[in-house]
C-alpha atoms as a PDB file:
ATOM      1  CA  MET A   1      15.077  -2.871  -7.671  1.00  0.00           C
ATOM      2  CA  GLU A   2      16.138   0.714  -9.241  1.00  0.00           C
ATOM      3  CA  THR A   3      14.834   3.565  -8.997  1.00  0.00           C
ATOM      4  CA  GLN A   4      15.925   6.218 -11.466  1.00  0.00           C
ATOM      5  CA  VAL A   5      16.600  10.297  -9.922  1.00  0.00           C
ATOM      6  CA  SER A   6      16.846  13.167 -12.497  1.00  0.00           C
ATOM      7  CA  THR A   7      19.786  15.117 -11.913  1.00  0.00           C
ATOM      8  CA  LYS A   8      21.020  18.633 -13.059  1.00  0.00           C
ATOM      9  CA  ASP A   9      21.381  18.213 -15.953  1.00  0.00           C
ATOM     10  CA  THR A  10      18.240  16.188 -16.637  1.00  0.00           C
ATOM     11  CA  ARG A  11      20.298  13.328 -17.418  1.00  0.00           C
ATOM     12  CA  LEU A  12      18.777  10.144 -15.465  1.00  0.00           C
ATOM     13  CA  LYS A  13      20.765   8.730 -12.958  1.00  0.00           C
ATOM     14  CA  LYS A  14      20.083   5.024 -11.665  1.00  0.00           C
ATOM     15  CA  ILE A  15      20.310   4.241  -7.830  1.00  0.00           C
ATOM     16  CA  LYS A  16      19.996   0.857  -6.819  1.00  0.00           C
ATOM     17  CA  LEU A  17      18.034  -0.026  -3.825  1.00  0.00           C
ATOM     18  CA  ASP A  18      19.911  -2.179  -0.966  1.00  0.00           C
ATOM     19  CA  PHE A  19      17.074  -3.563   0.862  1.00  0.00           C
ATOM     20  CA  LYS A  20      19.253  -6.946   2.372  1.00  0.00           C
ATOM     21  CA  ASP A  21      18.583  -6.412   6.300  1.00  0.00           C
ATOM     22  CA  SER A  22      14.533  -5.852   6.104  1.00  0.00           C
ATOM     23  CA  LYS A  23      11.577  -7.058   7.284  1.00  0.00           C
ATOM     24  CA  TYR A  24       9.136  -8.775   4.390  1.00  0.00           C
ATOM     25  CA  ALA A  25       5.696  -8.780   4.746  1.00  0.00           C
ATOM     26  CA  THR A  26       2.475  -9.048   2.550  1.00  0.00           C
ATOM     27  CA  GLY A  27      -0.832  -6.702   2.148  1.00  0.00           C
ATOM     28  CA  ARG A  28      -4.001  -7.596   0.240  1.00  0.00           C
ATOM     29  CA  ARG A  29      -6.653  -4.963   0.191  1.00  0.00           C
ATOM     30  CA  LYS A  30      -9.786  -5.776  -2.944  1.00  0.00           C
ATOM     31  CA  ARG A  31      -7.729  -7.286  -5.711  1.00  0.00           C
ATOM     32  CA  SER A  32      -4.781  -5.797  -5.271  1.00  0.00           C
ATOM     33  CA  ILE A  33      -1.458  -7.784  -3.323  1.00  0.00           C
ATOM     34  CA  ALA A  34       1.814  -5.797  -2.026  1.00  0.00           C
ATOM     35  CA  LYS A  35       4.530  -6.727  -1.219  1.00  0.00           C
ATOM     36  CA  VAL A  36       6.767  -4.579   0.919  1.00  0.00           C
ATOM     37  CA  TRP A  37      10.003  -4.610   2.545  1.00  0.00           C
ATOM     38  CA  VAL A  38      10.742  -2.419   5.852  1.00  0.00           C
ATOM     39  CA  LYS A  39      14.063  -1.732   6.505  1.00  0.00           C
ATOM     40  CA  LYS A  40      15.798   1.367   8.949  1.00  0.00           C
ATOM     41  CA  GLY A  41      16.445   4.395   6.863  1.00  0.00           C
ATOM     42  CA  SER A  42      15.545   7.930   6.246  1.00  0.00           C
ATOM     43  CA  GLY A  43      12.047   8.176   5.944  1.00  0.00           C
ATOM     44  CA  MET A  44      12.182   6.909   2.217  1.00  0.00           C
ATOM     45  CA  ILE A  45       8.700   5.196   0.339  1.00  0.00           C
ATOM     46  CA  HIS A  46       9.092   3.476  -3.339  1.00  0.00           C
ATOM     47  CA  VAL A  47       5.951   1.923  -4.679  1.00  0.00           C
ATOM     48  CA  ASN A  48       6.836  -0.330  -8.644  1.00  0.00           C
ATOM     49  CA  GLY A  49      10.210   1.588  -8.502  1.00  0.00           C
ATOM     50  CA  LYS A  50       8.975   5.098  -8.021  1.00  0.00           C
ATOM     51  CA  ILE A  51       8.566   7.555  -5.008  1.00  0.00           C
ATOM     52  CA  MET A  52       5.342   7.578  -3.774  1.00  0.00           C
ATOM     53  CA  ASN A  53       4.664  10.940  -4.704  1.00  0.00           C
ATOM     54  CA  GLU A  54       4.860  10.034  -8.687  1.00  0.00           C
ATOM     55  CA  TYR A  55       2.973   6.780  -7.771  1.00  0.00           C
ATOM     56  CA  PHE A  56       0.237   8.383  -6.113  1.00  0.00           C
ATOM     57  CA  LYS A  57      -0.326  11.213  -7.605  1.00  0.00           C
ATOM     58  CA  ARG A  58      -3.965  11.645  -5.165  1.00  0.00           C
ATOM     59  CA  PRO A  59      -2.952  13.380  -1.995  1.00  0.00           C
ATOM     60  CA  VAL A  60      -5.526  10.894   0.137  1.00  0.00           C
ATOM     61  CA  HIS A  61      -4.031   7.900  -1.038  1.00  0.00           C
ATOM     62  CA  GLN A  62      -0.380   9.724   0.220  1.00  0.00           C
ATOM     63  CA  ILE A  63      -1.890   9.866   3.659  1.00  0.00           C
ATOM     64  CA  ILE A  64      -3.402   6.559   3.730  1.00  0.00           C
ATOM     65  CA  VAL A  65      -0.008   4.569   3.109  1.00  0.00           C
ATOM     66  CA  MET A  66       2.074   7.130   5.617  1.00  0.00           C
ATOM     67  CA  ARG A  67      -0.457   6.050   8.245  1.00  0.00           C
ATOM     68  CA  PRO A  68       1.344   3.008  10.233  1.00  0.00           C
ATOM     69  CA  LEU A  69       4.252   4.721   9.948  1.00  0.00           C
ATOM     70  CA  GLU A  70       2.620   8.856  11.423  1.00  0.00           C
ATOM     71  CA  LEU A  71       0.403   6.293  14.311  1.00  0.00           C
ATOM     72  CA  SER A  72       3.311   4.494  15.541  1.00  0.00           C
ATOM     73  CA  ASN A  73       6.141   7.793  15.353  1.00  0.00           C
ATOM     74  CA  VAL A  74       8.609   5.764  12.899  1.00  0.00           C
ATOM     75  CA  ALA A  75       7.858   7.512   9.810  1.00  0.00           C
ATOM     76  CA  THR A  76      11.537   8.953   9.615  1.00  0.00           C
ATOM     77  CA  THR A  77      13.311   6.071  10.288  1.00  0.00           C
ATOM     78  CA  TYR A  78      11.720   3.402   8.430  1.00  0.00           C
ATOM     79  CA  ASP A  79      12.571   3.134   4.753  1.00  0.00           C
ATOM     80  CA  VAL A  80       9.493   1.392   2.535  1.00  0.00           C
ATOM     81  CA  ARG A  81      10.413  -0.406  -0.663  1.00  0.00           C
ATOM     82  CA  ALA A  82       6.771  -2.261  -1.996  1.00  0.00           C
ATOM     83  CA  SER A  83       5.804  -4.135  -4.964  1.00  0.00           C
ATOM     84  CA  VAL A  84       2.004  -3.628  -5.409  1.00  0.00           C
ATOM     85  CA  LYS A  85      -0.182  -5.207  -8.571  1.00  0.00           C
ATOM     86  CA  GLY A  86      -3.859  -5.589  -9.423  1.00  0.00           C
ATOM     87  CA  GLY A  87      -6.751  -3.677  -8.696  1.00  0.00           C
ATOM     88  CA  GLY A  88      -6.944   0.289  -8.608  1.00  0.00           C
ATOM     89  CA  HIS A  89      -5.043   2.976  -6.694  1.00  0.00           C
ATOM     90  CA  SER A  90      -7.244   2.515  -3.631  1.00  0.00           C
ATOM     91  CA  GLY A  91      -6.751  -1.174  -3.166  1.00  0.00           C
ATOM     92  CA  GLN A  92      -3.072  -1.055  -4.006  1.00  0.00           C
ATOM     93  CA  ALA A  93      -3.013   1.955  -1.046  1.00  0.00           C
ATOM     94  CA  GLY A  94      -4.689  -0.129   1.179  1.00  0.00           C
ATOM     95  CA  ALA A  95      -2.512  -3.693   0.499  1.00  0.00           C
ATOM     96  CA  ILE A  96      -0.053  -1.258   1.212  1.00  0.00           C
ATOM     97  CA  ILE A  97      -0.635   0.051   4.389  1.00  0.00           C
ATOM     98  CA  HIS A  98      -1.289  -3.624   5.386  1.00  0.00           C
ATOM     99  CA  GLY A  99       1.646  -4.945   4.077  1.00  0.00           C
ATOM    100  CA  ILE A 100       3.746  -1.787   5.697  1.00  0.00           C
ATOM    101  CA  SER A 101       1.637  -2.770   9.520  1.00  0.00           C
ATOM    102  CA  ARG A 102       2.729  -6.291   9.226  1.00  0.00           C
ATOM    103  CA  ALA A 103       6.348  -4.977   8.507  1.00  0.00           C
ATOM    104  CA  LEU A 104       6.914  -2.993  10.927  1.00  0.00           C
ATOM    105  CA  VAL A 105       5.243  -5.325  13.413  1.00  0.00           C
ATOM    106  CA  LEU A 106       7.926  -8.095  12.385  1.00  0.00           C
ATOM    107  CA  HIS A 107      10.306  -5.010  12.679  1.00  0.00           C
ATOM    108  CA  ASP A 108       9.319  -3.932  16.231  1.00  0.00           C
ATOM    109  CA  GLU A 109       7.212  -5.541  18.353  1.00  0.00           C
ATOM    110  CA  ASN A 110       5.881  -2.874  20.712  1.00  0.00           C
ATOM    111  CA  LEU A 111       4.431  -1.372  17.994  1.00  0.00           C
ATOM    112  CA  LYS A 112       1.875  -4.052  17.441  1.00  0.00           C
ATOM    113  CA  THR A 113      -0.630  -2.545  20.604  1.00  0.00           C
ATOM    114  CA  ALA A 114      -1.122   1.068  18.538  1.00  0.00           C
ATOM    115  CA  LEU A 115      -1.126  -0.416  14.875  1.00  0.00           C
ATOM    116  CA  LYS A 116      -3.892  -3.173  15.910  1.00  0.00           C
ATOM    117  CA  LYS A 117      -6.425  -0.508  17.807  1.00  0.00           C
ATOM    118  CA  GLU A 118      -6.520   1.266  14.859  1.00  0.00           C
ATOM    119  CA  LYS A 119      -7.322  -2.124  12.972  1.00  0.00           C
ATOM    120  CA  LEU A 120      -3.975  -2.236  10.366  1.00  0.00           C
ATOM    121  CA  THR A 121      -2.959  -5.547  10.657  1.00  0.00           C
ATOM    122  CA  THR A 122      -6.059  -7.305   9.575  1.00  0.00           C
ATOM    123  CA  ARG A 123      -7.105  -7.889   6.556  1.00  0.00           C
ATOM    124  CA  ASP A 124     -10.058  -6.285   5.130  1.00  0.00           C
ATOM    125  CA  SER A 125     -11.945  -8.488   3.591  1.00  0.00           C
ATOM    126  CA  ARG A 126     -14.253  -6.880   1.812  1.00  0.00           C
ATOM    127  CA  VAL A 127     -14.603  -7.256  -2.038  1.00  0.00           C
ATOM    128  CA  VAL A 128     -17.010  -6.379  -4.587  1.00  0.00           C
ATOM    129  CA  GLU A 129     -19.850  -8.559  -4.682  1.00  0.00           C
ATOM    130  CA  ARG A 130     -20.004 -10.321  -8.025  1.00  0.00           C
ATOM    131  CA  LYS A 131     -23.233 -10.066 -10.618  1.00  0.00           C
ATOM    132  CA  LYS A 132     -26.021 -12.035 -10.554  1.00  0.00           C
ATOM    133  CA  TYR A 133     -27.705 -13.083 -14.012  1.00  0.00           C
ATOM    134  CA  GLY A 134     -31.017 -11.669 -14.595  1.00  0.00           C
ATOM    135  CA  ARG A 135     -29.906  -8.225 -13.023  1.00  0.00           C
ATOM    136  CA  LYS A 136     -28.918  -4.991 -13.976  1.00  0.00           C
ATOM    137  CA  LYS A 137     -25.763  -5.121 -11.469  1.00  0.00           C
ATOM    138  CA  ALA A 138     -24.947  -7.150  -8.002  1.00  0.00           C
ATOM    139  CA  ARG A 139     -28.137  -6.577  -6.435  1.00  0.00           C
ATOM    140  CA  ARG A 140     -29.892  -3.891  -8.938  1.00  0.00           C
ATOM    141  CA  SER A 141     -32.859  -5.252 -10.700  1.00  0.00           C
ATOM    142  CA  PHE A 142     -34.465  -3.950 -13.949  1.00  0.00           C
ATOM    143  CA  GLN A 143     -37.317  -1.779 -13.752  1.00  0.00           C
ATOM    144  CA  PHE A 144     -40.008  -3.665 -13.222  1.00  0.00           C
ATOM    145  CA  SER A 145     -43.424  -2.945 -15.341  1.00  0.00           C
ATOM    146  CA  LYS A 146     -47.096  -3.313 -14.415  1.00  0.00           C
ATOM    147  CA  ARG A 147     -48.361  -3.179 -17.455  1.00  0.00           C
END
């Protein structure tokens, strides 16, 4: 996995991300699947080869991704690399926090109680309900006309 970082002379320099001694976990939410690697480091979060702030432009999604690290007070001690596909940004952010939580528990078993209390290690199984025939949407029916 390579990341491009701009230097002062505006040339792109490739930095190789090393995640050899890391723990891996998979996170899922809606239609999104996130592969997450967590290792000891300085608190950098990379999503699909980009820094998290570049990938998730909305502050809400950035806060959601940081939530498991801040709850367990390890925001500056672990590096995270995530590869996420499918769904939209909200589903992808949810998949990443599920993956980060599971990987943190694999790395340090003492964090399990704090993360489980906030229900971050549990997969949120809610998905979009399918559209039914004879209806406008999944449940919304066409307007009824008496005459």
